[in-house]
Amino acid sequence: MKYWIVGKKDNVTLSERKENDILYVDVKWHSDTPVTPEEFGVCFRISTVDTYSVFSPSMRGLRSLDRNYFPRITDARLASWMPLQQLISLSGENRFCINISDAKIPTRITSGVRESEADSEVTAYFFTNLTTAITDYSATIRVDTRAIAYYDSIYDAVNWWETDCGYTPAFVPELAKTPLNSLWYSYHQKLEIESIVRECTLTKDMGMDVVIVDDGWQTEDGSGGYAYCGDWEPAPKKIGDMKTFVKRIKDTGMKVMIWYSVPYMGIYAKNYKHFKDMLLDGTGDKKTYFSLDPRYKEVRDFLINIYVTAVKEWDLDGLKLDFIDRFRLEGKSLEPDSRRDTESLEDAIDILMCAVHDKLYEINPDILLEFRQTYVGPCIRKYGNMLRVTDCPNDSLKNRTDSINLRLTSGNTAVHSDMLLWHLDDPVENAALQFVSSVFAVPQISMLIEELPEDHIEMLKYYISFWKEWKDVLIGGKLTAEHPESNYTLATSTLNDKAVTVVYTDTVAKVNTDTAVIINASGKDYITVKGAKNKNYTVKDCMGRIMGNGKIDADITEIAMPLSAQIFIND
């Protein structure tokens, strides 16, 4: 393996060390006077023997290798994704896993095959977007070429960020690991208090413990968009007194979170006039709303006070903090302004979000703070204890892929599914597939329970109860997932002597523990079980009704079961 500097190399020096079969390349940049660093990179030329696919949590579709002149790209910065990319064999072994110690500055990792030699080039670029003027910079590139399971290499890379690079994750309270009701798909901006209170009563009875009141509470407008964001006062005709509204929900037994769009300031907000010259140029829709510029201390103090006041005065249990990836630099925002206390946008976001977390943690150590893709990764895990799959309504394939991607790269931070949504006319087994596909994440539900058919209600009750019973295994066990290049054909979470497996396209499930559950998400009407000879089994449908039971009398056997059904296996 060779490597060298590409791009603006005059100020860059490299040194290497090797520890426990991991290569560390230390990168140093220096200037005698403060300047904004120009983009440079470190290119690695590597063998692609027995190399089949590419993994990165930001790659959610095609994962083939492709060419070095049309490379696979992982862009990352503090508020978007993470600097990690991996080449994997067909059998699922790691071939080359690269990540960068600095997850805050803008970076890019690219990989692609060289046609002339059939090997690959993987390049880690630094300062891919404008940052502040500096004199010194250092970071480390970690390269893992061990022939181990791809997910073990990823787990080690994430652990390195946590232990060696200073990205200590926020505390995760138990409440962050409980099924919840989100009101976005079920209501959008058309919030109605009496209906919400009824729904909270129903969802609490079904086993959900938290509700997220989403966009719409702050505006009478229901046309979408963010032109009315920025004042963060309850809409009089919808919510009225927020403290009373929150209390009514809490009287049902539910905890309450509310949504904020962190960056956005709309032109119809009363605060717009005051902050109109402290906005990031070219952001939002560039006409009716913009992103505030957190490089101004006044902006940060304003936002922090909004959240602290809301949590205190309204007795909130958490906040859904949205769109922090929309803080972006361009246009006039690149020009200096003496009123700013930092010129680095990434530093400013970090200062803001650390302060938000710390101030709210002082009020309530169990405060819930949710972020969603693309704002995930080592930096975000310092501030948030809930990371959610991005919006994918009625899309079980995307929910499954992204929830597993997040589980592999998020350590012990609570990973949540996107809000589960399905068509009311769908057969109950298809509706259950939405739940099954993201069962290794904390389920968020966004269906109006009052409108569900009776069999859908029974299914949802059963799967929530099943998830809570098996929670420790599902989200606390070690997750292994086969064939990432195929959006995962099978996944298993194992804790001690228990395991839960979901077969997505592969219908063969191996049993390696005393007790196991296998869930059918394959679309076939059977599952092939290996390694369970002489064990007892029970098949339940998606509503928990027993369909059959018996003893497995062969090392390999087929068991009939419909979509979204389960096999329970034990001694």
Protein backbone atom coordinates (compact mmCIF):
# COMPACT_ATOMS: atom_id res chain seq x y z
CA MET A 1 0.00 0.00 0.00
CA LYS A 2 1.34 3.40 -1.01
CA TYR A 3 0.08 6.84 -0.08
CA TRP A 4 0.96 10.42 -0.92
CA ILE A 5 -0.29 14.00 -0.64
CA VAL A 6 -2.54 15.42 -3.36
CA GLY A 7 -3.77 18.97 -3.91
CA LYS A 8 -2.21 21.93 -2.10
CA LYS A 9 0.68 20.05 -0.48
CA ASP A 10 3.20 22.79 0.41
CA ASN A 11 2.05 23.15 4.04
CA VAL A 12 1.43 19.45 4.72
CA THR A 13 3.59 16.78 6.34
CA LEU A 14 2.80 13.12 7.02
CA SER A 15 4.07 10.56 9.49
CA GLU A 16 2.89 7.04 10.22
CA ARG A 17 2.69 4.52 13.03
CA LYS A 18 1.18 1.08 13.35
CA GLU A 19 -0.64 -0.28 16.40
CA ASN A 20 -2.43 -3.63 16.63
CA ASP A 21 -2.39 -4.06 12.84
CA ILE A 22 -3.99 -0.62 12.32
CA LEU A 23 -2.13 2.03 10.30
CA TYR A 24 -2.35 5.60 11.61
CA VAL A 25 -1.24 8.40 9.30
CA ASP A 26 -0.75 11.65 11.22
CA VAL A 27 -1.44 14.71 9.10
CA LYS A 28 -0.01 18.11 10.01
CA TRP A 29 -0.63 21.44 8.28
CA HIS A 30 1.27 24.64 9.15
CA SER A 31 1.40 28.24 7.98
CA ASP A 32 3.60 30.99 9.39
CA THR A 33 0.70 33.43 9.18
CA PRO A 34 -3.04 32.82 9.68
CA VAL A 35 -4.63 31.72 6.39
CA THR A 36 -7.63 29.68 5.38
CA PRO A 37 -6.30 26.23 4.38
CA GLU A 38 -6.80 25.17 0.79
CA GLU A 39 -8.09 21.69 0.07
CA PHE A 40 -5.55 18.88 0.14
CA GLY A 41 -5.76 15.12 0.46
CA VAL A 42 -3.93 11.90 1.21
CA CYS A 43 -4.32 9.26 -1.50
CA PHE A 44 -3.89 5.54 -0.79
CA ARG A 45 -3.33 3.06 -3.60
CA ILE A 46 -4.49 -0.39 -2.51
CA SER A 47 -5.09 -3.86 -3.83
CA THR A 48 -8.67 -4.77 -4.69
CA VAL A 49 -8.22 -8.53 -4.54
CA ASP A 50 -11.51 -10.08 -3.35
CA THR A 51 -13.16 -6.66 -3.05
CA TYR A 52 -16.81 -6.35 -3.97
CA SER A 53 -18.58 -3.30 -2.54
CA VAL A 54 -18.34 0.01 -0.69
CA PHE A 55 -19.92 0.96 2.63
CA SER A 56 -20.55 4.34 4.16
CA PRO A 57 -23.61 5.37 6.19
CA SER A 58 -24.24 8.15 3.66
CA MET A 59 -24.36 5.60 0.80
CA ARG A 60 -27.95 4.42 0.87
CA GLY A 61 -28.37 3.05 -2.62
CA LEU A 62 -25.84 1.72 -5.09
CA ARG A 63 -22.71 0.40 -3.34
CA SER A 64 -20.66 -0.95 -6.24
CA LEU A 65 -17.00 0.02 -6.50
CA ASP A 66 -17.10 2.24 -9.64
CA ARG A 67 -14.18 4.08 -11.25
CA ASN A 68 -11.66 6.46 -9.74
CA TYR A 69 -12.77 9.21 -12.13
CA PHE A 70 -16.39 8.74 -11.00
CA PRO A 71 -15.61 7.75 -7.41
CA ARG A 72 -17.81 6.78 -4.53
CA ILE A 73 -17.97 9.88 -2.32
CA THR A 74 -18.47 10.38 1.42
CA ASP A 75 -18.83 14.06 2.32
CA ALA A 76 -18.80 14.84 6.03
CA ARG A 77 -18.66 17.71 8.47
CA LEU A 78 -19.88 18.38 11.99
CA ALA A 79 -23.57 18.59 11.04
CA SER A 80 -23.66 16.02 8.26
CA TRP A 81 -22.64 12.34 8.18
CA MET A 82 -19.22 11.12 9.29
CA PRO A 83 -15.80 10.62 7.64
CA LEU A 84 -15.84 6.84 7.23
CA GLN A 85 -15.73 4.62 4.16
CA GLN A 86 -15.02 0.93 3.74
CA LEU A 87 -14.30 -1.60 0.99
CA ILE A 88 -15.81 -5.04 1.62
CA SER A 89 -15.47 -8.53 0.13
CA LEU A 90 -18.43 -10.52 -1.19
CA SER A 91 -18.29 -12.70 1.93
CA GLY A 92 -18.56 -9.61 4.16
CA GLU A 93 -14.94 -9.24 5.25
CA ASN A 94 -13.29 -5.89 5.69
CA ARG A 95 -10.74 -5.04 3.03
CA PHE A 96 -10.02 -1.37 3.72
CA CYS A 97 -11.78 0.74 6.35
CA ILE A 98 -10.72 4.39 6.58
CA ASN A 99 -11.91 7.07 8.98
CA ILE A 100 -10.61 10.47 10.03
CA SER A 101 -10.09 11.63 13.61
CA ASP A 102 -11.52 15.10 12.92
CA ALA A 103 -15.25 14.71 12.32
CA LYS A 104 -15.88 18.45 12.59
CA ILE A 105 -14.17 20.16 9.65
CA PRO A 106 -15.46 19.56 6.11
CA THR A 107 -13.84 16.42 4.66
CA ARG A 108 -14.41 14.07 1.75
CA ILE A 109 -13.43 10.43 1.29
CA THR A 110 -13.45 9.06 -2.26
CA SER A 111 -12.75 5.59 -3.64
CA GLY A 112 -12.61 4.12 -7.11
CA VAL A 113 -10.99 1.45 -9.26
CA ARG A 114 -8.04 2.29 -11.52
CA GLU A 115 -8.75 0.70 -14.89
CA SER A 116 -5.09 0.28 -15.83
CA GLU A 117 -4.19 -1.89 -12.84
CA ALA A 118 -7.56 -3.05 -11.42
CA ASP A 119 -6.49 -1.70 -8.04
CA SER A 120 -8.17 1.17 -6.17
CA GLU A 121 -7.42 4.67 -4.97
CA VAL A 122 -8.93 5.88 -1.72
CA THR A 123 -8.39 9.54 -0.89
CA ALA A 124 -9.12 11.48 2.30
CA TYR A 125 -9.54 15.18 1.53
CA PHE A 126 -9.41 17.96 4.13
CA PHE A 127 -10.95 21.46 4.12
CA THR A 128 -13.37 20.69 1.31
CA ASN A 129 -15.43 23.76 2.26
CA LEU A 130 -14.26 27.13 3.52
CA THR A 131 -13.17 27.32 7.16
CA THR A 132 -11.55 30.00 9.30
CA ALA A 133 -7.95 31.26 9.03
CA ILE A 134 -5.48 29.25 11.15
CA THR A 135 -1.75 28.62 11.51
CA ASP A 136 -1.74 24.95 12.57
CA TYR A 137 -3.91 21.91 12.06
CA SER A 138 -3.49 18.21 12.78
CA ALA A 139 -5.59 15.10 12.30
CA THR A 140 -5.11 11.36 12.00
CA ILE A 141 -6.25 8.99 9.28
CA ARG A 142 -6.98 5.52 10.61
CA VAL A 143 -6.67 2.63 8.13
CA ASP A 144 -7.85 -0.88 8.98
CA THR A 145 -7.01 -3.65 6.51
CA ARG A 146 -7.65 -6.61 8.84
CA ALA A 147 -9.56 -9.51 7.32
CA ILE A 148 -12.37 -9.40 9.88
CA ALA A 149 -16.15 -9.05 9.58
CA TYR A 150 -16.93 -5.66 8.05
CA TYR A 151 -19.18 -4.66 10.96
CA ASP A 152 -16.44 -5.44 13.52
CA SER A 153 -14.11 -3.08 11.69
CA ILE A 154 -16.81 -0.38 11.75
CA TYR A 155 -17.47 -0.93 15.46
CA ASP A 156 -13.75 -0.50 16.15
CA ALA A 157 -13.61 2.71 14.09
CA VAL A 158 -16.57 4.16 16.01
CA ASN A 159 -14.99 3.16 19.32
CA TRP A 160 -11.77 4.97 18.27
CA TRP A 161 -13.75 8.18 17.78
CA GLU A 162 -15.26 7.77 21.24
CA THR A 163 -12.12 6.82 23.18
CA ASP A 164 -9.17 8.39 21.34
CA CYS A 165 -10.60 11.36 19.48
CA GLY A 166 -12.59 13.07 22.22
CA TYR A 167 -16.13 12.46 20.94
CA THR A 168 -17.67 11.31 24.19
CA PRO A 169 -21.33 10.44 23.56
CA ALA A 170 -24.13 12.06 25.55
CA PHE A 171 -25.85 10.08 28.29
CA VAL A 172 -28.76 7.99 26.98
CA PRO A 173 -31.69 7.79 29.42
CA GLU A 174 -34.01 4.80 29.37
CA LEU A 175 -36.81 6.99 28.05
CA ALA A 176 -34.82 7.42 24.82
CA LYS A 177 -35.19 3.66 24.31
CA THR A 178 -38.97 3.39 24.43
CA PRO A 179 -41.51 3.30 21.57
CA LEU A 180 -43.04 6.69 20.86
CA ASN A 181 -45.79 8.44 18.96
CA SER A 182 -44.73 11.15 16.51
CA LEU A 183 -47.42 13.45 15.18
CA TRP A 184 -45.77 14.45 11.89
CA TYR A 185 -47.24 12.00 9.37
CA SER A 186 -50.47 11.62 11.31
CA TYR A 187 -51.20 15.37 11.55
CA HIS A 188 -48.58 17.32 9.63
CA GLN A 189 -49.22 20.96 10.53
CA LYS A 190 -52.94 20.42 11.19
CA LEU A 191 -52.68 19.90 14.94
CA GLU A 192 -55.90 19.62 16.94
CA ILE A 193 -55.71 19.42 20.72
CA GLU A 194 -58.70 17.19 21.50
CA SER A 195 -57.70 14.68 18.85
CA ILE A 196 -54.10 14.64 20.07
CA VAL A 197 -55.13 14.02 23.68
CA ARG A 198 -57.37 11.13 22.58
CA GLU A 199 -54.54 9.67 20.50
CA CYS A 200 -52.13 9.95 23.41
CA THR A 201 -54.54 8.00 25.60
CA LEU A 202 -54.73 5.28 22.96
CA THR A 203 -51.01 5.14 22.25
CA LYS A 204 -50.14 5.02 25.95
CA ASP A 205 -52.43 2.01 26.32
CA MET A 206 -50.61 0.38 23.39
CA GLY A 207 -47.20 0.74 25.06
CA MET A 208 -45.89 4.05 23.73
CA ASP A 209 -44.48 6.36 26.39
CA VAL A 210 -43.49 9.57 24.58
CA VAL A 211 -45.16 11.85 22.04
CA ILE A 212 -43.39 14.29 19.71
CA VAL A 213 -45.49 17.34 18.83
CA ASP A 214 -44.03 18.24 15.46
CA ASP A 215 -44.10 21.21 13.09
CA GLY A 216 -47.31 23.25 13.21
CA TRP A 217 -47.55 24.11 16.90
CA GLN A 218 -45.85 27.46 16.24
CA THR A 219 -47.97 28.69 13.32
CA GLU A 220 -51.57 29.02 12.17
CA ASP A 221 -50.36 28.62 8.59
CA GLY A 222 -50.74 25.10 7.23
CA SER A 223 -49.22 25.48 3.77
CA GLY A 224 -45.84 24.00 4.66
CA GLY A 225 -42.50 25.77 4.58
CA TYR A 226 -40.79 27.71 7.33
CA ALA A 227 -41.71 31.33 6.69
CA TYR A 228 -43.30 31.57 10.17
CA CYS A 229 -40.40 30.00 12.11
CA GLY A 230 -38.34 32.14 14.44
CA ASP A 231 -40.66 33.37 17.21
CA TRP A 232 -41.49 29.93 18.62
CA GLU A 233 -44.72 30.95 20.29
CA PRO A 234 -47.68 28.55 20.39
CA ALA A 235 -50.26 29.21 17.68
CA PRO A 236 -53.25 30.73 19.55
CA LYS A 237 -55.96 29.01 17.47
CA LYS A 238 -54.28 25.59 17.56
CA ILE A 239 -52.48 25.24 20.87
CA GLY A 240 -53.32 28.27 22.94
CA ASP A 241 -51.54 27.82 26.25
CA MET A 242 -48.70 25.34 25.72
CA LYS A 243 -48.25 24.59 29.42
CA THR A 244 -51.90 23.51 29.69
CA PHE A 245 -51.63 21.48 26.49
CA VAL A 246 -48.52 19.67 27.75
CA LYS A 247 -50.19 18.96 31.09
CA ARG A 248 -53.20 17.43 29.37
CA ILE A 249 -50.92 15.11 27.44
CA LYS A 250 -48.97 14.20 30.56
CA ASP A 251 -52.21 13.38 32.32
CA THR A 252 -52.55 10.51 29.81
CA GLY A 253 -49.21 9.15 31.07
CA MET A 254 -47.19 10.25 28.06
CA LYS A 255 -43.96 12.27 28.15
CA VAL A 256 -43.78 15.24 25.76
CA MET A 257 -41.21 16.45 23.23
CA ILE A 258 -41.71 19.31 20.78
CA TRP A 259 -40.11 20.15 17.46
CA TYR A 260 -37.87 23.08 16.61
CA SER A 261 -36.25 23.98 13.33
CA VAL A 262 -32.97 25.18 14.83
CA PRO A 263 -31.56 27.35 12.01
CA TYR A 264 -34.61 28.80 10.33
CA MET A 265 -35.81 32.38 10.62
CA GLY A 266 -38.88 33.15 8.51
CA ILE A 267 -39.66 36.55 7.03
CA TYR A 268 -43.03 36.64 8.83
CA ALA A 269 -41.51 36.12 12.27
CA LYS A 270 -41.44 39.10 14.60
CA ASN A 271 -37.76 38.34 15.24
CA TYR A 272 -36.86 38.54 11.56
CA LYS A 273 -36.31 42.29 11.56
CA HIS A 274 -33.83 42.05 14.44
CA PHE A 275 -31.84 39.15 12.99
CA LYS A 276 -32.08 39.89 9.26
CA ASP A 277 -28.42 40.95 9.09
CA MET A 278 -27.28 37.87 11.07
CA LEU A 279 -28.41 35.27 8.53
CA LEU A 280 -26.40 32.89 6.36
CA ASP A 281 -26.54 33.97 2.75
CA GLY A 282 -28.12 31.60 0.25
CA THR A 283 -29.75 29.33 2.83
CA GLY A 284 -33.36 28.27 3.34
CA ASP A 285 -35.42 28.86 0.23
CA LYS A 286 -33.59 32.22 -0.20
CA LYS A 287 -36.91 34.09 -0.23
CA THR A 288 -39.22 33.30 2.68
CA TYR A 289 -36.85 31.85 5.26
CA PHE A 290 -33.12 31.68 5.95
CA SER A 291 -30.70 30.05 8.37
CA LEU A 292 -29.45 32.08 11.29
CA ASP A 293 -25.68 32.51 11.53
CA PRO A 294 -24.48 30.88 14.80
CA ARG A 295 -21.12 32.65 14.52
CA TYR A 296 -22.85 35.56 16.25
CA LYS A 297 -23.02 35.09 20.01
CA GLU A 298 -26.34 36.95 20.01
CA VAL A 299 -27.81 34.29 17.72
CA ARG A 300 -26.57 31.46 19.92
CA ASP A 301 -27.84 33.12 23.10
CA PHE A 302 -31.22 33.66 21.45
CA LEU A 303 -31.58 29.99 20.47
CA ILE A 304 -30.33 28.65 23.80
CA ASN A 305 -32.77 30.86 25.68
CA ILE A 306 -35.66 29.67 23.48
CA TYR A 307 -35.02 26.02 24.39
CA VAL A 308 -34.21 26.55 28.05
CA THR A 309 -37.31 28.69 28.58
CA ALA A 310 -39.56 26.19 26.78
CA VAL A 311 -38.31 23.20 28.76
CA LYS A 312 -38.65 25.05 32.06
CA GLU A 313 -41.95 26.85 31.54
CA TRP A 314 -43.80 24.16 29.63
CA ASP A 315 -42.40 21.17 31.59
CA LEU A 316 -41.10 19.46 28.46
CA ASP A 317 -39.27 16.13 28.52
CA GLY A 318 -37.30 16.68 25.35
CA LEU A 319 -36.78 18.47 22.06
CA LYS A 320 -36.60 17.37 18.46
CA LEU A 321 -33.91 19.64 17.02
CA ASP A 322 -34.18 19.71 13.26
CA PHE A 323 -32.23 20.87 10.21
CA ILE A 324 -28.86 21.69 11.75
CA ASP A 325 -27.25 20.51 8.50
CA ARG A 326 -28.74 23.62 6.87
CA PHE A 327 -26.17 25.89 8.48
CA ARG A 328 -24.03 26.56 5.37
CA LEU A 329 -21.49 29.15 4.25
CA GLU A 330 -21.66 30.91 0.90
CA GLY A 331 -22.04 34.34 -0.69
CA LYS A 332 -21.88 37.35 1.60
CA SER A 333 -21.49 35.13 4.65
CA LEU A 334 -17.91 34.52 3.55
CA GLU A 335 -17.12 38.19 4.16
CA PRO A 336 -15.72 39.12 7.61
CA ASP A 337 -17.88 40.78 10.28
CA SER A 338 -16.36 42.10 13.49
CA ARG A 339 -19.56 41.29 15.41
CA ARG A 340 -18.89 37.55 15.14
CA ASP A 341 -16.87 35.88 17.89
CA THR A 342 -15.73 33.06 15.58
CA GLU A 343 -15.35 32.80 11.82
CA SER A 344 -15.56 29.02 11.78
CA LEU A 345 -19.12 27.84 11.14
CA GLU A 346 -18.33 24.35 12.42
CA ASP A 347 -16.91 25.77 15.66
CA ALA A 348 -19.99 27.95 16.07
CA ILE A 349 -22.40 25.02 15.62
CA ASP A 350 -20.36 23.01 18.12
CA ILE A 351 -20.41 25.84 20.67
CA LEU A 352 -24.16 26.25 20.20
CA MET A 353 -25.10 22.59 20.46
CA CYS A 354 -22.76 21.87 23.39
CA ALA A 355 -24.35 24.77 25.27
CA VAL A 356 -27.88 23.60 24.40
CA HIS A 357 -27.11 20.10 25.67
CA ASP A 358 -25.37 21.30 28.85
CA LYS A 359 -28.05 23.86 29.79
CA LEU A 360 -30.89 21.40 29.25
CA TYR A 361 -29.04 18.60 31.03
CA GLU A 362 -28.76 20.89 34.07
CA ILE A 363 -32.54 21.24 34.07
CA ASN A 364 -33.21 17.53 33.50
CA PRO A 365 -30.42 14.90 33.33
CA ASP A 366 -32.86 12.63 31.46
CA ILE A 367 -33.66 15.24 28.81
CA LEU A 368 -34.43 13.73 25.38
CA LEU A 369 -32.67 15.34 22.39
CA GLU A 370 -33.40 13.97 18.93
CA PHE A 371 -31.45 14.53 15.73
CA ARG A 372 -31.97 12.80 12.39
CA GLN A 373 -30.03 11.92 9.28
CA THR A 374 -27.99 13.55 7.87
CA TYR A 375 -27.01 15.15 11.18
CA VAL A 376 -25.60 12.01 12.77
CA GLY A 377 -22.08 10.95 13.66
CA PRO A 378 -19.42 11.48 16.35
CA CYS A 379 -20.07 15.20 16.86
CA ILE A 380 -23.85 14.93 17.02
CA ARG A 381 -23.60 12.07 19.52
CA LYS A 382 -22.03 14.56 21.95
CA TYR A 383 -25.27 16.58 21.97
CA GLY A 384 -28.07 14.12 21.23
CA ASN A 385 -29.19 10.82 22.72
CA MET A 386 -31.66 9.91 19.94
CA LEU A 387 -30.65 9.57 16.25
CA ARG A 388 -33.50 9.03 13.82
CA VAL A 389 -33.72 7.68 10.30
CA THR A 390 -34.57 10.40 7.83
CA ASP A 391 -38.12 10.73 6.46
CA CYS A 392 -39.11 7.66 4.42
CA PRO A 393 -42.92 7.35 4.75
CA ASN A 394 -44.30 3.89 3.94
CA ASP A 395 -40.83 2.83 2.77
CA SER A 396 -39.83 -0.29 4.68
CA LEU A 397 -36.74 -0.87 2.54
CA LYS A 398 -35.21 2.51 3.28
CA ASN A 399 -36.18 2.33 6.95
CA ARG A 400 -34.51 -1.05 7.26
CA THR A 401 -31.32 0.02 5.46
CA ASP A 402 -30.88 3.33 7.24
CA SER A 403 -31.74 1.99 10.70
CA ILE A 404 -29.09 -0.72 10.32
CA ASN A 405 -26.59 1.81 8.92
CA LEU A 406 -27.17 3.95 12.00
CA ARG A 407 -26.95 1.02 14.39
CA LEU A 408 -23.56 0.04 12.97
CA THR A 409 -22.13 3.55 13.33
CA SER A 410 -23.80 5.01 16.45
CA GLY A 411 -22.44 3.02 19.36
CA ASN A 412 -24.83 3.04 22.34
CA THR A 413 -26.76 6.12 21.24
CA ALA A 414 -30.45 5.27 20.82
CA VAL A 415 -31.21 4.77 17.12
CA HIS A 416 -34.83 5.40 16.12
CA SER A 417 -36.71 4.35 13.02
CA ASP A 418 -38.39 6.89 10.86
CA MET A 419 -42.02 7.22 11.87
CA LEU A 420 -43.88 4.09 10.79
CA LEU A 421 -46.63 4.79 8.27
CA TRP A 422 -48.65 2.45 6.08
CA HIS A 423 -51.77 2.49 3.93
CA LEU A 424 -54.97 1.67 5.76
CA ASP A 425 -56.02 -0.69 2.95
CA ASP A 426 -52.83 -2.76 3.21
CA PRO A 427 -53.18 -6.32 4.48
CA VAL A 428 -52.13 -6.52 8.10
CA GLU A 429 -49.01 -8.54 7.23
CA ASN A 430 -47.83 -5.75 4.92
CA ALA A 431 -48.55 -3.14 7.57
CA ALA A 432 -46.50 -5.19 10.05
CA LEU A 433 -43.60 -5.25 7.58
CA GLN A 434 -43.06 -1.55 8.35
CA PHE A 435 -42.41 -2.50 11.98
CA VAL A 436 -40.40 -5.64 11.22
CA SER A 437 -38.10 -3.86 8.79
CA SER A 438 -36.83 -1.46 11.45
CA VAL A 439 -37.14 -3.71 14.50
CA PHE A 440 -33.47 -3.18 15.45
CA ALA A 441 -34.22 0.48 16.10
CA VAL A 442 -36.55 2.14 18.61
CA PRO A 443 -39.93 2.31 16.85
CA GLN A 444 -41.60 5.63 16.19
CA ILE A 445 -45.26 5.39 15.12
CA SER A 446 -47.16 8.03 13.16
CA MET A 447 -50.59 6.54 12.52
CA LEU A 448 -53.92 7.81 13.81
CA ILE A 449 -55.01 4.94 16.06
CA GLU A 450 -58.65 6.03 15.85
CA GLU A 451 -58.60 5.33 12.11
CA LEU A 452 -56.82 1.96 12.13
CA PRO A 453 -58.67 -1.24 11.18
CA GLU A 454 -59.08 -3.63 14.09
CA ASP A 455 -56.50 -6.13 12.83
CA HIS A 456 -53.95 -3.32 12.39
CA ILE A 457 -54.56 -2.30 16.00
CA GLU A 458 -54.03 -5.86 17.19
CA MET A 459 -50.85 -6.12 15.13
CA LEU A 460 -49.46 -2.87 16.49
CA LYS A 461 -50.26 -3.80 20.08
CA TYR A 462 -48.58 -7.16 19.65
CA TYR A 463 -45.44 -5.88 17.96
CA ILE A 464 -44.96 -3.09 20.49
CA SER A 465 -45.31 -5.58 23.35
CA PHE A 466 -42.93 -7.98 21.59
CA TRP A 467 -40.40 -5.18 20.99
CA LYS A 468 -40.49 -4.07 24.61
CA GLU A 469 -40.11 -7.65 25.86
CA TRP A 470 -37.08 -8.22 23.59
CA LYS A 471 -35.71 -4.66 23.76
CA ASP A 472 -32.46 -5.59 25.50
CA VAL A 473 -31.61 -8.00 22.71
CA LEU A 474 -32.94 -5.90 19.82
CA ILE A 475 -31.11 -2.67 20.63
CA GLY A 476 -28.67 -3.74 23.33
CA GLY A 477 -27.18 -6.79 21.64
CA LYS A 478 -24.46 -7.00 19.03
CA LEU A 479 -25.95 -6.38 15.59
CA THR A 480 -24.59 -8.35 12.65
CA ALA A 481 -26.01 -7.75 9.18
CA GLU A 482 -25.30 -9.73 6.02
CA HIS A 483 -24.64 -8.33 2.54
CA PRO A 484 -24.75 -4.56 2.96
CA GLU A 485 -24.40 -4.23 -0.83
CA SER A 486 -27.89 -5.78 -1.08
CA ASN A 487 -29.40 -3.51 1.59
CA TYR A 488 -28.91 -6.33 4.12
CA THR A 489 -30.38 -9.73 3.35
CA LEU A 490 -30.48 -10.84 6.99
CA ALA A 491 -29.68 -9.24 10.34
CA THR A 492 -29.27 -10.65 13.84
CA SER A 493 -28.89 -9.02 17.23
CA THR A 494 -27.38 -11.26 19.92
CA LEU A 495 -27.14 -10.76 23.66
CA ASN A 496 -25.78 -13.56 25.82
CA ASP A 497 -27.84 -16.69 25.07
CA LYS A 498 -30.62 -14.91 23.14
CA ALA A 499 -30.88 -13.70 19.55
CA VAL A 500 -33.41 -12.10 17.23
CA THR A 501 -33.00 -12.57 13.46
CA VAL A 502 -34.94 -10.91 10.67
CA VAL A 503 -34.70 -12.51 7.23
CA TYR A 504 -35.22 -9.86 4.58
CA THR A 505 -34.37 -11.58 1.31
CA ASP A 506 -32.33 -14.56 2.55
CA THR A 507 -34.71 -17.22 3.88
CA VAL A 508 -32.05 -19.27 5.68
CA ALA A 509 -31.53 -18.44 9.36
CA LYS A 510 -28.89 -20.03 11.59
CA VAL A 511 -29.56 -20.61 15.28
CA ASN A 512 -26.48 -20.22 17.50
CA THR A 513 -28.08 -19.43 20.88
CA ASP A 514 -30.24 -21.24 23.42
CA THR A 515 -33.22 -19.00 22.67
CA ALA A 516 -33.95 -17.35 19.33
CA VAL A 517 -36.65 -15.49 17.45
CA ILE A 518 -36.72 -15.47 13.65
CA ILE A 519 -38.98 -12.97 11.86
CA ASN A 520 -40.03 -13.40 8.25
CA ALA A 521 -39.65 -10.24 6.16
CA SER A 522 -38.63 -12.12 3.01
CA GLY A 523 -41.89 -12.20 1.08
CA LYS A 524 -41.73 -16.00 1.06
CA ASP A 525 -44.13 -18.26 2.98
CA TYR A 526 -41.45 -20.26 4.75
CA ILE A 527 -38.12 -19.95 6.57
CA THR A 528 -35.28 -22.47 6.48
CA VAL A 529 -33.82 -22.97 9.96
CA LYS A 530 -30.31 -24.37 10.49
CA GLY A 531 -28.68 -25.54 13.71
CA ALA A 532 -31.81 -26.00 15.84
CA LYS A 533 -32.18 -29.78 15.86
CA ASN A 534 -34.06 -31.10 18.92
CA LYS A 535 -35.23 -27.61 19.90
CA ASN A 536 -38.88 -26.65 20.38
CA TYR A 537 -40.53 -24.05 18.19
CA THR A 538 -43.70 -21.99 18.10
CA VAL A 539 -44.91 -19.93 15.13
CA LYS A 540 -46.93 -16.76 15.76
CA ASP A 541 -48.51 -14.51 13.18
CA CYS A 542 -48.09 -10.73 13.18
CA MET A 543 -50.90 -10.35 15.71
CA GLY A 544 -49.35 -12.83 18.14
CA ARG A 545 -51.73 -15.70 17.39
CA ILE A 546 -50.16 -19.18 17.56
CA MET A 547 -50.12 -20.85 14.14
CA GLY A 548 -48.20 -23.98 14.99
CA ASN A 549 -45.60 -25.56 17.20
CA GLY A 550 -43.51 -28.67 17.54
CA LYS A 551 -39.97 -30.00 17.74
CA ILE A 552 -37.34 -29.52 15.09
CA ASP A 553 -36.07 -32.97 14.10
CA ALA A 554 -33.39 -32.09 11.54
CA ASP A 555 -30.35 -29.83 11.36
CA ILE A 556 -31.90 -28.09 8.35
CA THR A 557 -35.65 -27.75 8.14
CA GLU A 558 -38.28 -25.59 6.45
CA ILE A 559 -41.01 -24.05 8.60
CA ALA A 560 -44.08 -22.56 6.97
CA MET A 561 -44.98 -19.03 8.08
CA PRO A 562 -46.53 -15.94 6.49
CA LEU A 563 -45.01 -12.49 6.07
CA SER A 564 -44.17 -10.70 9.34
CA ALA A 565 -44.72 -13.86 11.39
CA GLN A 566 -42.24 -15.14 14.01
CA ILE A 567 -40.67 -18.42 15.03
CA PHE A 568 -39.78 -18.73 18.71
CA ILE A 569 -37.09 -21.39 19.30
CA ASN A 570 -35.84 -22.70 22.63
CA ASP A 571 -34.64 -25.81 24.42
